[in-house]
Amino acid sequence: MQQPSLAQQKHTARLEARSRLLPVTPEQTKFWGWLMLQHLQALPVWRTARTVMCYMSCAKEPDTTALLQAVLGSGRTLCLPRQQEAPGQMEALKVAALFALQPGPHGILEPPKGLPAVEPGQIDLVVAPCLAAAPGGVRLGHGGGYYDRFLTRVRGSTAVFCPDLAVFPSLPCGPLDVPVDLVITEKGIV
């Protein structure tokens, strides 16, 4: 019997992850985000990071609002991703407040055009989104490859906020998939 392709394996894993996240409530995602921030703040990487990139969470993802506010409130530089015109490409833009964010092409809030861009190599910590993660830092994204392309240029630390129920023992991973340094769940560091 023929082995499923990497794309088929990822598709199956995404379906499983979405199924696991289906019953999650907004109250749970908010609580998860707060707990994950507590775990992150206990790490040396948080204490030394001066420039932090994060994402605006969507439904079923751990709420990143507390993290975004913590970065801004601590005097660090906050970067948020903005999709570029080239397919699969994004840039990190420096933001000073969250009220000016606008829905991007996929409906995700992002900074408006014209804000200063920050080079990926200048970012000390990137917290990337994921549908699922596995020990060793394998992250399963939504399938666009935006973060995998971006993370190849990051020299700082990388992490994901991933609910414990979306941590798999293993996930399909190809040569273009970039693992993260830390998988942070509401229960701690995987």
N, C-alpha and C. Protein backbone atom coordinates (compact mmCIF):
# COMPACT_ATOMS: atom_id res chain seq x y z
N MET A 1 0.84 -1.19 0.00
CA MET A 1 0.00 0.00 0.00
C MET A 1 0.88 1.25 0.00
N GLN A 2 0.50 2.22 -0.81
CA GLN A 2 1.30 3.43 -0.96
C GLN A 2 1.14 4.35 0.25
N GLN A 3 2.25 4.90 0.68
CA GLN A 3 2.27 5.84 1.81
C GLN A 3 1.63 7.16 1.38
N PRO A 4 0.77 7.78 2.23
CA PRO A 4 0.19 9.08 1.87
C PRO A 4 1.29 10.13 1.70
N SER A 5 1.07 11.06 0.80
CA SER A 5 2.05 12.13 0.56
C SER A 5 2.13 13.04 1.79
N LEU A 6 3.17 13.85 1.85
CA LEU A 6 3.32 14.80 2.95
C LEU A 6 2.12 15.73 3.00
N ALA A 7 1.65 16.19 1.84
CA ALA A 7 0.48 17.08 1.79
C ALA A 7 -0.75 16.37 2.35
N GLN A 8 -0.93 15.11 2.01
CA GLN A 8 -2.08 14.36 2.53
C GLN A 8 -1.97 14.15 4.04
N GLN A 9 -0.76 13.86 4.51
CA GLN A 9 -0.55 13.69 5.95
C GLN A 9 -0.85 14.98 6.71
N LYS A 10 -0.40 16.10 6.16
CA LYS A 10 -0.66 17.40 6.80
C LYS A 10 -2.16 17.72 6.78
N HIS A 11 -2.81 17.43 5.67
CA HIS A 11 -4.26 17.66 5.57
C HIS A 11 -5.00 16.87 6.65
N THR A 12 -4.63 15.61 6.81
CA THR A 12 -5.26 14.76 7.83
C THR A 12 -4.99 15.30 9.23
N ALA A 13 -3.75 15.73 9.49
CA ALA A 13 -3.41 16.28 10.81
C ALA A 13 -4.16 17.58 11.08
N ARG A 14 -4.33 18.42 10.05
CA ARG A 14 -5.09 19.67 10.22
C ARG A 14 -6.55 19.37 10.55
N LEU A 15 -7.13 18.38 9.87
CA LEU A 15 -8.51 17.99 10.16
C LEU A 15 -8.64 17.52 11.61
N GLU A 16 -7.69 16.71 12.07
CA GLU A 16 -7.71 16.21 13.45
C GLU A 16 -7.57 17.36 14.44
N ALA A 17 -6.64 18.28 14.17
CA ALA A 17 -6.43 19.43 15.07
C ALA A 17 -7.70 20.28 15.14
N ARG A 18 -8.29 20.58 14.00
CA ARG A 18 -9.52 21.39 13.99
C ARG A 18 -10.65 20.69 14.73
N SER A 19 -10.72 19.38 14.60
CA SER A 19 -11.74 18.59 15.30
C SER A 19 -11.54 18.70 16.81
N ARG A 20 -10.28 18.60 17.26
CA ARG A 20 -9.99 18.71 18.69
C ARG A 20 -10.34 20.09 19.24
N LEU A 21 -10.18 21.13 18.40
CA LEU A 21 -10.42 22.50 18.84
C LEU A 21 -11.87 22.95 18.69
N LEU A 22 -12.68 22.17 18.02
CA LEU A 22 -14.07 22.55 17.75
C LEU A 22 -14.85 22.95 18.99
N PRO A 23 -14.80 22.19 20.10
CA PRO A 23 -15.63 22.56 21.26
C PRO A 23 -15.06 23.69 22.13
N VAL A 24 -13.91 24.24 21.77
CA VAL A 24 -13.26 25.26 22.59
C VAL A 24 -14.06 26.56 22.60
N THR A 25 -14.17 27.17 23.78
CA THR A 25 -14.94 28.41 23.93
C THR A 25 -14.00 29.62 23.99
N PRO A 26 -14.52 30.82 23.73
CA PRO A 26 -13.69 32.02 23.86
C PRO A 26 -13.12 32.20 25.27
N GLU A 27 -13.87 31.77 26.28
CA GLU A 27 -13.37 31.86 27.65
C GLU A 27 -12.14 30.98 27.84
N GLN A 28 -12.16 29.79 27.24
CA GLN A 28 -11.00 28.90 27.32
C GLN A 28 -9.80 29.50 26.62
N THR A 29 -10.01 30.04 25.43
CA THR A 29 -8.87 30.59 24.68
C THR A 29 -8.25 31.77 25.42
N LYS A 30 -9.09 32.57 26.06
CA LYS A 30 -8.57 33.71 26.83
C LYS A 30 -7.75 33.22 28.02
N PHE A 31 -8.27 32.22 28.74
CA PHE A 31 -7.56 31.67 29.89
C PHE A 31 -6.26 31.00 29.45
N TRP A 32 -6.30 30.24 28.35
CA TRP A 32 -5.09 29.62 27.83
C TRP A 32 -4.02 30.67 27.55
N GLY A 33 -4.42 31.73 26.84
CA GLY A 33 -3.46 32.78 26.49
C GLY A 33 -2.81 33.38 27.72
N TRP A 34 -3.60 33.60 28.76
CA TRP A 34 -3.07 34.17 30.00
C TRP A 34 -2.09 33.20 30.65
N LEU A 35 -2.46 31.91 30.73
CA LEU A 35 -1.57 30.91 31.33
C LEU A 35 -0.27 30.76 30.53
N MET A 36 -0.38 30.75 29.22
CA MET A 36 0.80 30.60 28.37
C MET A 36 1.74 31.79 28.53
N LEU A 37 1.15 32.98 28.68
CA LEU A 37 1.98 34.17 28.93
C LEU A 37 2.73 34.02 30.25
N GLN A 38 2.10 33.48 31.27
CA GLN A 38 2.77 33.29 32.57
C GLN A 38 3.98 32.36 32.40
N HIS A 39 3.81 31.29 31.63
CA HIS A 39 4.92 30.36 31.39
C HIS A 39 6.05 31.04 30.60
N LEU A 40 5.67 31.83 29.60
CA LEU A 40 6.67 32.54 28.79
C LEU A 40 7.44 33.54 29.65
N GLN A 41 6.73 34.28 30.49
CA GLN A 41 7.38 35.31 31.30
C GLN A 41 8.36 34.73 32.32
N ALA A 42 8.24 33.45 32.61
CA ALA A 42 9.16 32.81 33.56
C ALA A 42 10.47 32.38 32.89
N LEU A 43 10.56 32.50 31.58
CA LEU A 43 11.74 32.04 30.84
C LEU A 43 12.77 33.16 30.64
N PRO A 44 14.05 32.80 30.60
CA PRO A 44 15.09 33.81 30.35
C PRO A 44 14.89 34.55 29.02
N VAL A 45 14.37 33.87 28.00
CA VAL A 45 14.19 34.51 26.70
C VAL A 45 13.25 35.71 26.81
N TRP A 46 12.27 35.65 27.69
CA TRP A 46 11.36 36.79 27.87
C TRP A 46 12.12 37.96 28.51
N ARG A 47 12.93 37.65 29.50
CA ARG A 47 13.63 38.72 30.21
C ARG A 47 14.62 39.46 29.31
N THR A 48 15.19 38.76 28.34
CA THR A 48 16.21 39.38 27.48
C THR A 48 15.65 39.93 26.16
N ALA A 49 14.45 39.53 25.78
CA ALA A 49 13.89 39.95 24.49
C ALA A 49 13.50 41.43 24.52
N ARG A 50 14.05 42.20 23.62
CA ARG A 50 13.70 43.62 23.50
C ARG A 50 12.72 43.85 22.36
N THR A 51 12.77 43.01 21.33
CA THR A 51 11.86 43.11 20.19
C THR A 51 11.13 41.79 20.06
N VAL A 52 9.80 41.84 20.15
CA VAL A 52 8.97 40.64 20.15
C VAL A 52 7.96 40.72 19.01
N MET A 53 7.89 39.66 18.24
CA MET A 53 6.86 39.56 17.20
C MET A 53 5.83 38.54 17.64
N CYS A 54 4.59 38.88 17.47
CA CYS A 54 3.50 37.98 17.80
C CYS A 54 2.43 38.11 16.72
N TYR A 55 1.37 37.36 16.85
CA TYR A 55 0.27 37.39 15.89
C TYR A 55 -1.00 37.78 16.63
N MET A 56 -1.98 38.24 15.90
CA MET A 56 -3.31 38.50 16.46
C MET A 56 -4.07 37.18 16.39
N SER A 57 -4.46 36.69 17.54
CA SER A 57 -5.14 35.39 17.57
C SER A 57 -6.53 35.48 16.94
N CYS A 58 -6.96 34.35 16.40
CA CYS A 58 -8.29 34.20 15.82
C CYS A 58 -9.07 33.22 16.70
N ALA A 59 -10.31 32.99 16.34
CA ALA A 59 -11.15 32.04 17.08
C ALA A 59 -10.44 30.70 17.18
N LYS A 60 -10.57 30.06 18.32
CA LYS A 60 -10.03 28.73 18.62
C LYS A 60 -8.53 28.74 18.90
N GLU A 61 -7.84 29.87 18.69
CA GLU A 61 -6.43 29.97 19.02
C GLU A 61 -6.29 30.56 20.43
N PRO A 62 -5.24 30.19 21.16
CA PRO A 62 -5.01 30.85 22.44
C PRO A 62 -4.98 32.37 22.23
N ASP A 63 -5.71 33.09 23.06
CA ASP A 63 -5.84 34.54 22.92
C ASP A 63 -4.48 35.20 23.22
N THR A 64 -3.98 35.96 22.27
CA THR A 64 -2.67 36.61 22.43
C THR A 64 -2.79 38.04 22.96
N THR A 65 -3.99 38.50 23.26
CA THR A 65 -4.16 39.88 23.71
C THR A 65 -3.31 40.20 24.93
N ALA A 66 -3.29 39.32 25.93
CA ALA A 66 -2.50 39.57 27.14
C ALA A 66 -1.01 39.66 26.80
N LEU A 67 -0.54 38.83 25.89
CA LEU A 67 0.87 38.88 25.48
C LEU A 67 1.18 40.19 24.78
N LEU A 68 0.32 40.60 23.85
CA LEU A 68 0.54 41.84 23.11
C LEU A 68 0.59 43.03 24.08
N GLN A 69 -0.34 43.05 25.03
CA GLN A 69 -0.38 44.14 26.02
C GLN A 69 0.85 44.09 26.93
N ALA A 70 1.31 42.89 27.27
CA ALA A 70 2.51 42.76 28.12
C ALA A 70 3.74 43.31 27.40
N VAL A 71 3.85 43.03 26.12
CA VAL A 71 4.99 43.55 25.35
C VAL A 71 4.95 45.07 25.32
N LEU A 72 3.80 45.62 24.95
CA LEU A 72 3.67 47.07 24.88
C LEU A 72 3.87 47.72 26.25
N GLY A 73 3.30 47.12 27.29
CA GLY A 73 3.38 47.69 28.63
C GLY A 73 4.77 47.63 29.25
N SER A 74 5.62 46.77 28.71
CA SER A 74 6.97 46.61 29.27
C SER A 74 8.01 47.47 28.56
N GLY A 75 7.56 48.23 27.56
CA GLY A 75 8.50 49.09 26.84
C GLY A 75 9.27 48.39 25.74
N ARG A 76 8.94 47.13 25.48
CA ARG A 76 9.59 46.41 24.39
C ARG A 76 9.00 46.87 23.06
N THR A 77 9.68 46.52 21.99
CA THR A 77 9.16 46.78 20.64
C THR A 77 8.28 45.61 20.26
N LEU A 78 7.05 45.92 19.84
CA LEU A 78 6.10 44.90 19.38
C LEU A 78 6.00 44.95 17.87
N CYS A 79 6.13 43.78 17.25
CA CYS A 79 5.95 43.65 15.80
C CYS A 79 4.77 42.72 15.56
N LEU A 80 4.00 43.05 14.55
CA LEU A 80 2.91 42.18 14.10
C LEU A 80 3.10 41.92 12.61
N PRO A 81 2.66 40.75 12.15
CA PRO A 81 2.84 40.43 10.74
C PRO A 81 1.85 41.16 9.84
N ARG A 82 2.31 41.48 8.65
CA ARG A 82 1.44 42.03 7.61
C ARG A 82 1.74 41.26 6.33
N GLN A 83 0.69 40.75 5.72
CA GLN A 83 0.85 40.00 4.48
C GLN A 83 1.31 40.94 3.37
N GLN A 84 2.30 40.49 2.61
CA GLN A 84 2.79 41.28 1.48
C GLN A 84 2.09 40.84 0.20
N GLU A 85 2.29 41.62 -0.84
CA GLU A 85 1.62 41.30 -2.11
C GLU A 85 2.13 40.01 -2.73
N ALA A 86 3.42 39.72 -2.54
CA ALA A 86 3.97 38.47 -3.07
C ALA A 86 3.33 37.30 -2.32
N PRO A 87 2.87 36.27 -3.04
CA PRO A 87 2.21 35.14 -2.38
C PRO A 87 3.09 34.48 -1.32
N GLY A 88 2.51 34.23 -0.16
CA GLY A 88 3.21 33.52 0.90
C GLY A 88 4.23 34.34 1.66
N GLN A 89 4.30 35.64 1.42
CA GLN A 89 5.30 36.49 2.07
C GLN A 89 4.64 37.43 3.07
N MET A 90 5.32 37.68 4.18
CA MET A 90 4.85 38.65 5.15
C MET A 90 6.04 39.42 5.69
N GLU A 91 5.74 40.54 6.32
CA GLU A 91 6.76 41.35 6.95
C GLU A 91 6.33 41.65 8.38
N ALA A 92 7.29 42.03 9.20
CA ALA A 92 7.01 42.39 10.59
C ALA A 92 7.00 43.91 10.68
N LEU A 93 5.87 44.46 11.14
CA LEU A 93 5.77 45.91 11.28
C LEU A 93 5.70 46.28 12.75
N LYS A 94 6.41 47.35 13.09
CA LYS A 94 6.45 47.84 14.47
C LYS A 94 5.14 48.56 14.77
N VAL A 95 4.48 48.15 15.87
CA VAL A 95 3.23 48.81 16.27
C VAL A 95 3.37 49.35 17.69
N ALA A 96 2.75 50.51 17.91
CA ALA A 96 2.80 51.14 19.23
C ALA A 96 1.47 50.99 19.98
N ALA A 97 0.42 50.59 19.26
CA ALA A 97 -0.91 50.41 19.86
C ALA A 97 -1.70 49.45 18.99
N LEU A 98 -2.72 48.84 19.57
CA LEU A 98 -3.50 47.83 18.85
C LEU A 98 -4.76 48.38 18.19
N PHE A 99 -5.16 49.61 18.52
CA PHE A 99 -6.43 50.12 18.03
C PHE A 99 -6.45 50.41 16.53
N ALA A 100 -5.31 50.59 15.90
CA ALA A 100 -5.26 50.93 14.48
C ALA A 100 -5.20 49.71 13.56
N LEU A 101 -5.23 48.51 14.13
CA LEU A 101 -5.13 47.31 13.30
C LEU A 101 -6.36 47.18 12.40
N GLN A 102 -6.13 46.59 11.22
CA GLN A 102 -7.20 46.45 10.23
C GLN A 102 -7.23 45.01 9.73
N PRO A 103 -8.41 44.53 9.30
CA PRO A 103 -8.47 43.18 8.74
C PRO A 103 -7.65 43.08 7.45
N GLY A 104 -6.81 42.05 7.37
CA GLY A 104 -6.01 41.80 6.18
C GLY A 104 -6.78 40.92 5.20
N PRO A 105 -6.10 40.42 4.17
CA PRO A 105 -6.75 39.62 3.13
C PRO A 105 -7.46 38.37 3.66
N HIS A 106 -6.99 37.80 4.77
CA HIS A 106 -7.62 36.60 5.33
C HIS A 106 -8.52 36.94 6.52
N GLY A 107 -8.79 38.24 6.73
CA GLY A 107 -9.64 38.65 7.83
C GLY A 107 -8.92 38.77 9.16
N ILE A 108 -7.62 38.51 9.18
CA ILE A 108 -6.83 38.60 10.41
C ILE A 108 -6.38 40.05 10.60
N LEU A 109 -6.53 40.56 11.81
CA LEU A 109 -6.10 41.93 12.08
C LEU A 109 -4.60 42.05 11.89
N GLU A 110 -4.21 43.12 11.19
CA GLU A 110 -2.79 43.36 10.94
C GLU A 110 -2.54 44.86 10.92
N PRO A 111 -1.27 45.26 11.04
CA PRO A 111 -0.95 46.69 11.04
C PRO A 111 -1.24 47.32 9.68
N PRO A 112 -1.58 48.60 9.68
CA PRO A 112 -1.78 49.28 8.40
C PRO A 112 -0.45 49.49 7.68
N LYS A 113 -0.52 49.66 6.38
CA LYS A 113 0.67 49.96 5.58
C LYS A 113 1.31 51.26 6.07
N GLY A 114 2.59 51.35 5.91
CA GLY A 114 3.27 52.60 6.23
C GLY A 114 3.99 52.60 7.57
N LEU A 115 3.71 51.61 8.42
CA LEU A 115 4.44 51.53 9.69
C LEU A 115 5.85 50.99 9.42
N PRO A 116 6.79 51.30 10.30
CA PRO A 116 8.17 50.84 10.06
C PRO A 116 8.28 49.31 10.09
N ALA A 117 9.00 48.77 9.12
CA ALA A 117 9.26 47.33 9.08
C ALA A 117 10.49 47.02 9.92
N VAL A 118 10.48 45.84 10.52
CA VAL A 118 11.61 45.38 11.31
C VAL A 118 12.16 44.14 10.62
N GLU A 119 13.45 44.12 10.39
CA GLU A 119 14.09 42.97 9.75
C GLU A 119 13.96 41.74 10.65
N PRO A 120 13.66 40.57 10.09
CA PRO A 120 13.53 39.35 10.89
C PRO A 120 14.74 39.08 11.78
N GLY A 121 15.93 39.38 11.30
CA GLY A 121 17.15 39.16 12.08
C GLY A 121 17.27 40.07 13.29
N GLN A 122 16.45 41.11 13.37
CA GLN A 122 16.47 42.05 14.50
C GLN A 122 15.49 41.65 15.61
N ILE A 123 14.69 40.61 15.37
CA ILE A 123 13.65 40.20 16.31
C ILE A 123 14.24 39.19 17.30
N ASP A 124 14.06 39.46 18.59
CA ASP A 124 14.61 38.60 19.63
C ASP A 124 13.73 37.39 19.93
N LEU A 125 12.42 37.55 19.76
CA LEU A 125 11.48 36.47 20.06
C LEU A 125 10.30 36.56 19.11
N VAL A 126 9.98 35.44 18.46
CA VAL A 126 8.79 35.34 17.61
C VAL A 126 7.86 34.30 18.23
N VAL A 127 6.62 34.71 18.49
CA VAL A 127 5.59 33.77 18.91
C VAL A 127 4.67 33.59 17.70
N ALA A 128 4.73 32.41 17.10
CA ALA A 128 4.02 32.11 15.86
C ALA A 128 2.74 31.32 16.15
N PRO A 129 1.76 31.41 15.28
CA PRO A 129 0.54 30.62 15.46
C PRO A 129 0.74 29.18 15.01
N CYS A 130 -0.16 28.31 15.44
CA CYS A 130 -0.15 26.93 14.96
C CYS A 130 -1.53 26.32 15.16
N LEU A 131 -1.82 25.33 14.36
CA LEU A 131 -3.01 24.50 14.58
C LEU A 131 -2.68 23.38 15.55
N ALA A 132 -1.45 22.90 15.48
CA ALA A 132 -0.98 21.82 16.34
C ALA A 132 0.54 21.91 16.41
N ALA A 133 1.09 21.23 17.41
CA ALA A 133 2.54 21.18 17.56
C ALA A 133 2.91 19.81 18.13
N ALA A 134 4.19 19.49 18.04
CA ALA A 134 4.69 18.23 18.57
C ALA A 134 5.99 18.51 19.32
N PRO A 135 6.35 17.60 20.23
CA PRO A 135 7.65 17.76 20.92
C PRO A 135 8.76 17.90 19.88
N GLY A 136 9.74 18.68 20.22
CA GLY A 136 10.82 18.94 19.26
C GLY A 136 10.58 20.20 18.46
N GLY A 137 9.42 20.86 18.67
CA GLY A 137 9.16 22.13 18.01
C GLY A 137 8.50 22.06 16.65
N VAL A 138 8.08 20.87 16.22
CA VAL A 138 7.38 20.79 14.93
C VAL A 138 6.03 21.49 15.09
N ARG A 139 5.75 22.45 14.21
CA ARG A 139 4.48 23.15 14.25
C ARG A 139 3.72 22.91 12.96
N LEU A 140 2.44 22.73 13.11
CA LEU A 140 1.56 22.57 11.95
C LEU A 140 0.78 23.86 11.82
N GLY A 141 1.07 24.60 10.77
CA GLY A 141 0.38 25.86 10.53
C GLY A 141 -0.91 25.64 9.76
N HIS A 142 -1.41 26.73 9.22
CA HIS A 142 -2.66 26.68 8.47
C HIS A 142 -2.46 26.30 7.01
N GLY A 143 -1.22 26.21 6.57
CA GLY A 143 -0.95 25.71 5.22
C GLY A 143 -0.45 26.72 4.22
N GLY A 144 -0.32 27.98 4.60
CA GLY A 144 0.14 28.99 3.65
C GLY A 144 1.65 29.11 3.55
N GLY A 145 2.37 28.64 4.56
CA GLY A 145 3.83 28.70 4.56
C GLY A 145 4.41 30.06 4.92
N TYR A 146 3.55 31.02 5.30
CA TYR A 146 4.04 32.37 5.62
C TYR A 146 5.10 32.34 6.73
N TYR A 147 4.78 31.68 7.83
CA TYR A 147 5.71 31.67 8.96
C TYR A 147 6.95 30.84 8.67
N ASP A 148 6.82 29.72 7.96
CA ASP A 148 8.01 28.94 7.63
C ASP A 148 8.99 29.77 6.82
N ARG A 149 8.50 30.53 5.85
CA ARG A 149 9.39 31.39 5.05
C ARG A 149 10.01 32.48 5.92
N PHE A 150 9.20 33.06 6.79
CA PHE A 150 9.68 34.15 7.64
C PHE A 150 10.70 33.65 8.65
N LEU A 151 10.41 32.52 9.29
CA LEU A 151 11.27 32.01 10.36
C LEU A 151 12.67 31.62 9.89
N THR A 152 12.83 31.35 8.60
CA THR A 152 14.17 31.03 8.10
C THR A 152 15.11 32.22 8.24
N ARG A 153 14.56 33.44 8.39
CA ARG A 153 15.37 34.65 8.48
C ARG A 153 15.50 35.18 9.91
N VAL A 154 14.90 34.49 10.87
CA VAL A 154 14.93 34.92 12.27
C VAL A 154 16.13 34.31 12.97
N ARG A 155 16.87 35.14 13.69
CA ARG A 155 18.02 34.66 14.46
C ARG A 155 17.68 34.52 15.95
N GLY A 156 16.60 35.15 16.38
CA GLY A 156 16.20 35.09 17.78
C GLY A 156 15.47 33.78 18.09
N SER A 157 14.88 33.73 19.27
CA SER A 157 14.14 32.54 19.71
C SER A 157 12.75 32.52 19.07
N THR A 158 12.22 31.30 18.93
CA THR A 158 10.90 31.13 18.34
C THR A 158 10.06 30.23 19.22
N ALA A 159 8.76 30.51 19.25
CA ALA A 159 7.84 29.75 20.10
C ALA A 159 6.47 29.70 19.46
N VAL A 160 5.65 28.79 19.95
CA VAL A 160 4.23 28.76 19.61
C VAL A 160 3.44 28.66 20.91
N PHE A 161 2.26 29.26 20.92
CA PHE A 161 1.27 29.04 21.96
C PHE A 161 0.36 27.95 21.40
N CYS A 162 0.35 26.79 22.02
CA CYS A 162 -0.42 25.65 21.52
C CYS A 162 -1.17 25.00 22.67
N PRO A 163 -2.51 24.92 22.60
CA PRO A 163 -3.23 24.24 23.67
C PRO A 163 -2.78 22.79 23.80
N ASP A 164 -2.76 22.30 25.01
CA ASP A 164 -2.30 20.94 25.26
C ASP A 164 -3.07 19.92 24.42
N LEU A 165 -4.35 20.16 24.18
CA LEU A 165 -5.14 19.20 23.39
C LEU A 165 -4.73 19.18 21.93
N ALA A 166 -3.94 20.15 21.48
CA ALA A 166 -3.46 20.18 20.09
C ALA A 166 -1.97 19.80 19.99
N VAL A 167 -1.43 19.26 21.08
CA VAL A 167 -0.06 18.74 21.02
C VAL A 167 -0.15 17.27 20.64
N PHE A 168 0.44 16.92 19.51
CA PHE A 168 0.42 15.56 18.99
C PHE A 168 1.76 14.89 19.33
N PRO A 169 1.80 13.57 19.45
CA PRO A 169 3.08 12.89 19.69
C PRO A 169 4.08 13.14 18.55
N SER A 170 3.57 13.23 17.32
CA SER A 170 4.40 13.56 16.17
C SER A 170 3.50 14.18 15.11
N LEU A 171 4.12 14.92 14.20
CA LEU A 171 3.40 15.56 13.11
C LEU A 171 4.21 15.42 11.83
N PRO A 172 3.54 15.40 10.68
CA PRO A 172 4.29 15.37 9.42
C PRO A 172 5.13 16.64 9.28
N CYS A 173 6.33 16.46 8.78
CA CYS A 173 7.25 17.60 8.67
C CYS A 173 8.12 17.39 7.43
N GLY A 174 8.20 18.42 6.61
CA GLY A 174 9.01 18.35 5.39
C GLY A 174 10.22 19.25 5.48
N PRO A 175 11.03 19.28 4.43
CA PRO A 175 12.27 20.06 4.44
C PRO A 175 12.04 21.57 4.51
N LEU A 176 10.85 22.05 4.14
CA LEU A 176 10.57 23.49 4.19
C LEU A 176 9.92 23.92 5.49
N ASP A 177 9.60 22.97 6.36
CA ASP A 177 8.98 23.27 7.65
C ASP A 177 10.06 23.65 8.66
N VAL A 178 9.87 24.79 9.30
CA VAL A 178 10.85 25.31 10.25
C VAL A 178 10.34 25.07 11.67
N PRO A 179 11.04 24.23 12.45
CA PRO A 179 10.60 24.00 13.83
C PRO A 179 10.86 25.22 14.70
N VAL A 180 10.12 25.31 15.80
CA VAL A 180 10.31 26.39 16.76
C VAL A 180 11.10 25.88 17.96
N ASP A 181 11.64 26.81 18.72
CA ASP A 181 12.45 26.45 19.89
C ASP A 181 11.59 25.99 21.07
N LEU A 182 10.41 26.60 21.21
CA LEU A 182 9.56 26.35 22.38
C LEU A 182 8.12 26.09 21.99
N VAL A 183 7.54 25.05 22.56
CA VAL A 183 6.09 24.82 22.45
C VAL A 183 5.53 25.09 23.84
N ILE A 184 4.73 26.14 23.94
CA ILE A 184 4.19 26.56 25.23
C ILE A 184 2.70 26.23 25.26
N THR A 185 2.29 25.43 26.26
CA THR A 185 0.89 25.11 26.43
C THR A 185 0.40 25.76 27.73
N GLU A 186 -0.89 25.59 27.99
CA GLU A 186 -1.43 26.12 29.25
C GLU A 186 -0.87 25.37 30.46
N LYS A 187 -0.29 24.19 30.22
CA LYS A 187 0.27 23.37 31.30
C LYS A 187 1.77 23.59 31.50
N GLY A 188 2.42 24.25 30.55
CA GLY A 188 3.86 24.49 30.67
C GLY A 188 4.56 24.37 29.33
N ILE A 189 5.85 24.12 29.39
CA ILE A 189 6.69 24.00 28.19
C ILE A 189 6.78 22.53 27.82
N VAL A 190 6.52 22.22 26.54
CA VAL A 190 6.61 20.83 26.07
C VAL A 190 8.06 20.52 25.80
